[in-house]
Amino acid sequence: MNRPRRADAADNRERILEAARAVVATADEVRLNEIAKRAGVGQGTLYRHFPTREHLLAEVYRQDVDELVATAPRLLAEHDPVTALTRWLDRLVEYARIKRGVFAAVEAGVRKDLSAHSLGPIGDALTTLLDAGKAAGTVRPDVDARDLILLVGYLTRLEQDEWDTRARHLLRLVLEGVRSRG
């Protein structure tokens, strides 16, 4: 039986995940002692929550996937389909940065498991956004989630030093190709 976490333990876990996300997004190398330091916890606390580096990075990745997927319906409830898709693609840039950092820091087998976890839910979220745009007549009827996933795969080829200047610009170009011209 799983007991609920104490409030301080839950806070520590969240701080560790936030620190790990920051390190993954900005550092060339993911060091657990740097993550513990940024989170304001000791090494023992970090290892109690995440026994290995792979456990920690996998959880960072899974949280980002879950947040990205959950964003699609919220954006559609608040915005027209093209604006929702645009804002979702903006969020995708941050997700891709984390994915790239996590994938660079884990073994090939872990990468494969993480990809399998994310591809279906992300494709489903993207399909929801595209279908809303098609229904509104603002997204081309011949575009599907797989098309966009393949097109935005270029994010993995960007160098870290050009990320901030190119990632969103390139997504805007992709978005222009998705929009309906009618």
C-alpha atoms as a PDB file:
ATOM      1  CA  MET A   1       0.000   0.000   0.000  1.00  0.00           C
ATOM      2  CA  ASN A   2       1.399   3.422  -0.988  1.00  0.00           C
ATOM      3  CA  ARG A   3       1.209   5.968   1.777  1.00  0.00           C
ATOM      4  CA  PRO A   4       0.745   9.616   0.847  1.00  0.00           C
ATOM      5  CA  ARG A   5       3.953  11.633   0.871  1.00  0.00           C
ATOM      6  CA  ARG A   6       4.560  14.060   3.676  1.00  0.00           C
ATOM      7  CA  ALA A   7       4.210  17.685   2.575  1.00  0.00           C
ATOM      8  CA  ASP A   8       7.923  18.405   2.985  1.00  0.00           C
ATOM      9  CA  ALA A   9       8.852  15.279   1.023  1.00  0.00           C
ATOM     10  CA  ALA A  10       6.455  16.251  -1.771  1.00  0.00           C
ATOM     11  CA  ASP A  11       7.939  19.776  -1.806  1.00  0.00           C
ATOM     12  CA  ASN A  12      11.461  18.354  -1.987  1.00  0.00           C
ATOM     13  CA  ARG A  13      10.474  16.109  -4.868  1.00  0.00           C
ATOM     14  CA  GLU A  14       8.976  19.006  -6.811  1.00  0.00           C
ATOM     15  CA  ARG A  15      12.019  21.203  -6.183  1.00  0.00           C
ATOM     16  CA  ILE A  16      14.276  18.391  -7.397  1.00  0.00           C
ATOM     17  CA  LEU A  17      12.213  18.013 -10.573  1.00  0.00           C
ATOM     18  CA  GLU A  18      12.227  21.779 -11.219  1.00  0.00           C
ATOM     19  CA  ALA A  19      15.979  21.947 -10.683  1.00  0.00           C
ATOM     20  CA  ALA A  20      16.531  18.942 -12.943  1.00  0.00           C
ATOM     21  CA  ARG A  21      14.390  20.541 -15.667  1.00  0.00           C
ATOM     22  CA  ALA A  22      16.466  23.734 -15.445  1.00  0.00           C
ATOM     23  CA  VAL A  23      19.764  21.836 -15.598  1.00  0.00           C
ATOM     24  CA  VAL A  24      18.604  19.671 -18.511  1.00  0.00           C
ATOM     25  CA  ALA A  25      17.480  22.744 -20.455  1.00  0.00           C
ATOM     26  CA  THR A  26      20.681  24.730 -20.006  1.00  0.00           C
ATOM     27  CA  ALA A  27      23.684  22.572 -19.076  1.00  0.00           C
ATOM     28  CA  ASP A  28      25.961  20.607 -21.343  1.00  0.00           C
ATOM     29  CA  GLU A  29      26.175  17.853 -18.742  1.00  0.00           C
ATOM     30  CA  VAL A  30      23.548  16.716 -16.239  1.00  0.00           C
ATOM     31  CA  ARG A  31      25.155  16.373 -12.801  1.00  0.00           C
ATOM     32  CA  LEU A  32      23.077  15.150  -9.901  1.00  0.00           C
ATOM     33  CA  ASN A  33      25.084  17.132  -7.340  1.00  0.00           C
ATOM     34  CA  GLU A  34      24.236  20.335  -9.283  1.00  0.00           C
ATOM     35  CA  ILE A  35      20.551  19.371  -9.283  1.00  0.00           C
ATOM     36  CA  ALA A  36      20.567  18.684  -5.536  1.00  0.00           C
ATOM     37  CA  LYS A  37      22.322  22.008  -4.901  1.00  0.00           C
ATOM     38  CA  ARG A  38      19.828  23.974  -7.024  1.00  0.00           C
ATOM     39  CA  ALA A  39      16.927  22.212  -5.316  1.00  0.00           C
ATOM     40  CA  GLY A  40      18.321  22.985  -1.882  1.00  0.00           C
ATOM     41  CA  VAL A  41      18.407  19.347  -0.820  1.00  0.00           C
ATOM     42  CA  GLY A  42      21.139  16.901   0.096  1.00  0.00           C
ATOM     43  CA  GLN A  43      22.307  14.045  -2.088  1.00  0.00           C
ATOM     44  CA  GLY A  44      20.529  11.549   0.189  1.00  0.00           C
ATOM     45  CA  THR A  45      17.199  13.313  -0.311  1.00  0.00           C
ATOM     46  CA  LEU A  46      17.670  13.315  -4.072  1.00  0.00           C
ATOM     47  CA  TYR A  47      18.478   9.590  -4.104  1.00  0.00           C
ATOM     48  CA  ARG A  48      15.536   8.735  -1.817  1.00  0.00           C
ATOM     49  CA  HIS A  49      13.204  10.204  -4.415  1.00  0.00           C
ATOM     50  CA  PHE A  50      15.142   9.125  -7.517  1.00  0.00           C
ATOM     51  CA  PRO A  51      17.523   6.186  -7.000  1.00  0.00           C
ATOM     52  CA  THR A  52      19.269   6.730 -10.343  1.00  0.00           C
ATOM     53  CA  ARG A  53      19.877   9.544 -12.783  1.00  0.00           C
ATOM     54  CA  GLU A  54      17.678   7.727 -15.302  1.00  0.00           C
ATOM     55  CA  HIS A  55      14.773   7.630 -12.828  1.00  0.00           C
ATOM     56  CA  LEU A  56      15.017  11.377 -12.294  1.00  0.00           C
ATOM     57  CA  LEU A  57      15.362  12.277 -15.962  1.00  0.00           C
ATOM     58  CA  ALA A  58      12.579   9.908 -16.978  1.00  0.00           C
ATOM     59  CA  GLU A  59      10.243  11.600 -14.489  1.00  0.00           C
ATOM     60  CA  VAL A  60      11.200  15.061 -15.788  1.00  0.00           C
ATOM     61  CA  TYR A  61      10.435  13.857 -19.297  1.00  0.00           C
ATOM     62  CA  ARG A  62       7.141  12.190 -18.349  1.00  0.00           C
ATOM     63  CA  GLN A  63       5.951  15.302 -16.533  1.00  0.00           C
ATOM     64  CA  ASP A  64       6.722  17.422 -19.579  1.00  0.00           C
ATOM     65  CA  VAL A  65       4.821  15.028 -21.852  1.00  0.00           C
ATOM     66  CA  ASP A  66       1.829  15.018 -19.505  1.00  0.00           C
ATOM     67  CA  GLU A  67       1.811  18.823 -19.282  1.00  0.00           C
ATOM     68  CA  LEU A  68       2.127  19.201 -23.056  1.00  0.00           C
ATOM     69  CA  VAL A  69      -0.747  16.793 -23.698  1.00  0.00           C
ATOM     70  CA  ALA A  70      -2.983  18.404 -21.055  1.00  0.00           C
ATOM     71  CA  THR A  71      -2.379  21.837 -22.569  1.00  0.00           C
ATOM     72  CA  ALA A  72      -4.179  21.076 -25.871  1.00  0.00           C
ATOM     73  CA  PRO A  73      -7.790  20.933 -24.603  1.00  0.00           C
ATOM     74  CA  ARG A  74      -7.239  23.910 -22.287  1.00  0.00           C
ATOM     75  CA  LEU A  75      -5.942  26.014 -25.164  1.00  0.00           C
ATOM     76  CA  LEU A  76      -8.876  25.000 -27.375  1.00  0.00           C
ATOM     77  CA  ALA A  77     -11.293  26.013 -24.631  1.00  0.00           C
ATOM     78  CA  GLU A  78      -9.695  29.481 -24.457  1.00  0.00           C
ATOM     79  CA  HIS A  79      -8.720  30.249 -28.068  1.00  0.00           C
ATOM     80  CA  ASP A  80      -9.645  29.741 -31.696  1.00  0.00           C
ATOM     81  CA  PRO A  81      -8.029  26.612 -33.200  1.00  0.00           C
ATOM     82  CA  VAL A  82      -5.105  28.323 -34.970  1.00  0.00           C
ATOM     83  CA  THR A  83      -4.208  30.388 -31.908  1.00  0.00           C
ATOM     84  CA  ALA A  84      -4.483  27.249 -29.751  1.00  0.00           C
ATOM     85  CA  LEU A  85      -2.223  25.350 -32.156  1.00  0.00           C
ATOM     86  CA  THR A  86       0.255  28.245 -32.236  1.00  0.00           C
ATOM     87  CA  ARG A  87       0.444  28.398 -28.444  1.00  0.00           C
ATOM     88  CA  TRP A  88       0.712  24.616 -28.221  1.00  0.00           C
ATOM     89  CA  LEU A  89       3.614  24.667 -30.678  1.00  0.00           C
ATOM     90  CA  ASP A  90       5.278  27.332 -28.512  1.00  0.00           C
ATOM     91  CA  ARG A  91       4.999  24.922 -25.580  1.00  0.00           C
ATOM     92  CA  LEU A  92       6.369  22.188 -27.823  1.00  0.00           C
ATOM     93  CA  VAL A  93       9.608  24.171 -28.187  1.00  0.00           C
ATOM     94  CA  GLU A  94      10.181  23.998 -24.430  1.00  0.00           C
ATOM     95  CA  TYR A  95       9.222  20.327 -24.368  1.00  0.00           C
ATOM     96  CA  ALA A  96      11.689  19.611 -27.202  1.00  0.00           C
ATOM     97  CA  ARG A  97      14.489  21.378 -25.323  1.00  0.00           C
ATOM     98  CA  ILE A  98      13.886  19.179 -22.279  1.00  0.00           C
ATOM     99  CA  LYS A  99      13.533  16.060 -24.437  1.00  0.00           C
ATOM    100  CA  ARG A 100      16.811  16.793 -26.150  1.00  0.00           C
ATOM    101  CA  GLY A 101      18.623  17.253 -22.840  1.00  0.00           C
ATOM    102  CA  VAL A 102      17.107  14.133 -21.301  1.00  0.00           C
ATOM    103  CA  PHE A 103      17.842  12.011 -24.353  1.00  0.00           C
ATOM    104  CA  ALA A 104      21.454  13.201 -24.408  1.00  0.00           C
ATOM    105  CA  ALA A 105      21.886  12.149 -20.774  1.00  0.00           C
ATOM    106  CA  VAL A 106      20.299   8.676 -20.734  1.00  0.00           C
ATOM    107  CA  GLU A 107      21.094   5.316 -22.274  1.00  0.00           C
ATOM    108  CA  ALA A 108      19.609   4.207 -25.594  1.00  0.00           C
ATOM    109  CA  GLY A 109      17.180   1.768 -23.966  1.00  0.00           C
ATOM    110  CA  VAL A 110      15.752   4.474 -21.714  1.00  0.00           C
ATOM    111  CA  ARG A 111      15.387   6.822 -24.732  1.00  0.00           C
ATOM    112  CA  LYS A 112      13.389   4.170 -26.553  1.00  0.00           C
ATOM    113  CA  ASP A 113      11.069   3.616 -23.557  1.00  0.00           C
ATOM    114  CA  LEU A 114      10.516   7.353 -23.107  1.00  0.00           C
ATOM    115  CA  SER A 115       9.758   7.851 -26.804  1.00  0.00           C
ATOM    116  CA  ALA A 116       7.224   5.045 -26.698  1.00  0.00           C
ATOM    117  CA  HIS A 117       5.540   6.726 -23.712  1.00  0.00           C
ATOM    118  CA  SER A 118       5.212  10.084 -25.448  1.00  0.00           C
ATOM    119  CA  LEU A 119       4.481   9.512 -29.112  1.00  0.00           C
ATOM    120  CA  GLY A 120       0.873   8.327 -28.757  1.00  0.00           C
ATOM    121  CA  PRO A 121      -0.328  10.970 -26.270  1.00  0.00           C
ATOM    122  CA  ILE A 122       1.430  13.803 -28.112  1.00  0.00           C
ATOM    123  CA  GLY A 123      -0.009  12.621 -31.429  1.00  0.00           C
ATOM    124  CA  ASP A 124      -3.474  12.473 -29.861  1.00  0.00           C
ATOM    125  CA  ALA A 125      -3.158  16.020 -28.483  1.00  0.00           C
ATOM    126  CA  LEU A 126      -1.959  17.285 -31.840  1.00  0.00           C
ATOM    127  CA  THR A 127      -4.833  15.492 -33.619  1.00  0.00           C
ATOM    128  CA  THR A 128      -7.298  17.231 -31.278  1.00  0.00           C
ATOM    129  CA  LEU A 129      -5.844  20.622 -32.185  1.00  0.00           C
ATOM    130  CA  LEU A 130      -5.700  19.896 -35.918  1.00  0.00           C
ATOM    131  CA  ASP A 131      -9.254  18.495 -36.010  1.00  0.00           C
ATOM    132  CA  ALA A 132     -10.570  21.654 -34.325  1.00  0.00           C
ATOM    133  CA  GLY A 133      -8.773  23.754 -36.927  1.00  0.00           C
ATOM    134  CA  LYS A 134     -10.113  21.632 -39.784  1.00  0.00           C
ATOM    135  CA  ALA A 135     -13.644  21.948 -38.409  1.00  0.00           C
ATOM    136  CA  ALA A 136     -13.201  25.733 -38.261  1.00  0.00           C
ATOM    137  CA  GLY A 137     -11.748  25.795 -41.773  1.00  0.00           C
ATOM    138  CA  THR A 138      -8.445  27.294 -40.606  1.00  0.00           C
ATOM    139  CA  VAL A 139      -6.248  24.194 -40.957  1.00  0.00           C
ATOM    140  CA  ARG A 140      -5.609  22.354 -44.224  1.00  0.00           C
ATOM    141  CA  PRO A 141      -7.668  19.161 -44.452  1.00  0.00           C
ATOM    142  CA  ASP A 142      -4.709  17.101 -45.718  1.00  0.00           C
ATOM    143  CA  VAL A 143      -2.519  17.648 -42.632  1.00  0.00           C
ATOM    144  CA  ASP A 144      -2.347  15.095 -39.835  1.00  0.00           C
ATOM    145  CA  ALA A 145      -0.443  14.750 -36.579  1.00  0.00           C
ATOM    146  CA  ARG A 146       2.224  12.524 -38.111  1.00  0.00           C
ATOM    147  CA  ASP A 147       2.977  15.236 -40.701  1.00  0.00           C
ATOM    148  CA  LEU A 148       3.624  17.787 -37.969  1.00  0.00           C
ATOM    149  CA  ILE A 149       5.609  15.387 -35.795  1.00  0.00           C
ATOM    150  CA  LEU A 150       7.904  14.662 -38.731  1.00  0.00           C
ATOM    151  CA  LEU A 151       8.244  18.349 -39.596  1.00  0.00           C
ATOM    152  CA  VAL A 152       9.071  19.483 -36.077  1.00  0.00           C
ATOM    153  CA  GLY A 153      11.611  16.697 -35.703  1.00  0.00           C
ATOM    154  CA  TYR A 154      14.133  19.264 -36.945  1.00  0.00           C
ATOM    155  CA  LEU A 155      14.224  20.663 -33.406  1.00  0.00           C
ATOM    156  CA  THR A 156      16.584  17.814 -32.507  1.00  0.00           C
ATOM    157  CA  ARG A 157      19.084  19.125 -35.066  1.00  0.00           C
ATOM    158  CA  LEU A 158      19.330  22.653 -33.689  1.00  0.00           C
ATOM    159  CA  GLU A 159      22.508  23.551 -31.866  1.00  0.00           C
ATOM    160  CA  GLN A 160      22.033  24.810 -28.315  1.00  0.00           C
ATOM    161  CA  ASP A 161      23.404  28.254 -29.182  1.00  0.00           C
ATOM    162  CA  GLU A 162      20.830  28.769 -31.947  1.00  0.00           C
ATOM    163  CA  TRP A 163      17.846  27.379 -30.054  1.00  0.00           C
ATOM    164  CA  ASP A 164      16.444  30.694 -28.860  1.00  0.00           C
ATOM    165  CA  THR A 165      16.770  32.391 -32.259  1.00  0.00           C
ATOM    166  CA  ARG A 166      15.571  29.579 -34.526  1.00  0.00           C
ATOM    167  CA  ALA A 167      13.200  27.168 -32.782  1.00  0.00           C
ATOM    168  CA  ARG A 168      10.095  29.370 -32.625  1.00  0.00           C
ATOM    169  CA  HIS A 169      10.833  30.972 -35.998  1.00  0.00           C
ATOM    170  CA  LEU A 170      10.954  27.566 -37.664  1.00  0.00           C
ATOM    171  CA  LEU A 171       7.728  26.515 -35.935  1.00  0.00           C
ATOM    172  CA  ARG A 172       6.039  29.635 -37.335  1.00  0.00           C
ATOM    173  CA  LEU A 173       7.114  28.539 -40.826  1.00  0.00           C
ATOM    174  CA  VAL A 174       5.618  25.094 -40.204  1.00  0.00           C
ATOM    175  CA  LEU A 175       2.421  26.688 -38.904  1.00  0.00           C
ATOM    176  CA  GLU A 176       2.085  28.806 -42.047  1.00  0.00           C
ATOM    177  CA  GLY A 177       2.221  25.614 -44.094  1.00  0.00           C
ATOM    178  CA  VAL A 178      -0.542  24.051 -41.982  1.00  0.00           C
ATOM    179  CA  ARG A 179      -2.986  26.949 -42.266  1.00  0.00           C
ATOM    180  CA  SER A 180      -5.815  26.745 -44.730  1.00  0.00           C
ATOM    181  CA  ARG A 181      -5.579  29.182 -47.618  1.00  0.00           C
ATOM    182  CA  GLY A 182      -9.331  29.204 -48.231  1.00  0.00           C
END
